[in-house]
Amino acid sequence: MLTSCDKYENGLELSSTGTLQANDASSLNVNKQQADNDLQTATFGAGCFWCVEAVFEMLTGVSKVESGYMGGRTENPDYRSICTGQTGHAEVVRIYYNPDRISFETLLSWFWRSHDPTTLNRQGADVGTQYRSVIFYESEEQKTAALASKLAAQESFADPIVTEITPMAIFYEAEDYHQGYFQANRTAPYCQFVIQPKLKKLELE
């Protein structure tokens, strides 16, 4: 069974051609210019950030999505250390969105739909604390909205939701080859057999 912790070597293999790295660098430069003062941010962890990033990139009103790490005990983590599960970080996405086009509450709705929030430290074949379900709030308004949405979402699940709702911590941007991974690597096995079926199930592709 394909798991996303196998993706480190896959990522290196893909980036060794030079194409992925060049595309990522160009895309990140353009995206950073778009992140102006009119945008707000939301930060979610819902399993492999490749999957979560792919979902939120599809939504109207979302300007960009960055994959990264948050909520751990060490500074400047990298993917190798994250995969050990020893740093305490979660794989997360930081979503830059225009609140005039999409609300934080709508993003929360997609968060609950895009993964199973009742499985502790696991999404499918991806197992470990780095894959935990978590909402990092950056204001009391976001905290209130997150708590209310969790309560409402529980009605859709037989098992208890185990999602953490916790204050924002330092966001460490993941390595370049993780950024925009699905769009750059649609033919990769993880994209074909994990991400694409998820997007089709959510009617996003």
Foldseek 3Di string as FASTA:
>chain_A
DDDCLVCVVVLVVVCVVVVLLVVLVVVVVVLVVVLDPQWDKWKWFAFDVLQVQVQLVLDPFWSHKFKFWFQFDDPPDASVVVSVLPGRIATMMMIIGRCVTPNPLNVLVVLPLLFPQQDAQDTVPRHHSNRHTETADADVVSLVSNVVVLVVSVVVDPGHGPYYYYHGDDTHTYDSSSGPVCVVCCPDPCNVPPNVVSCVVVVSD
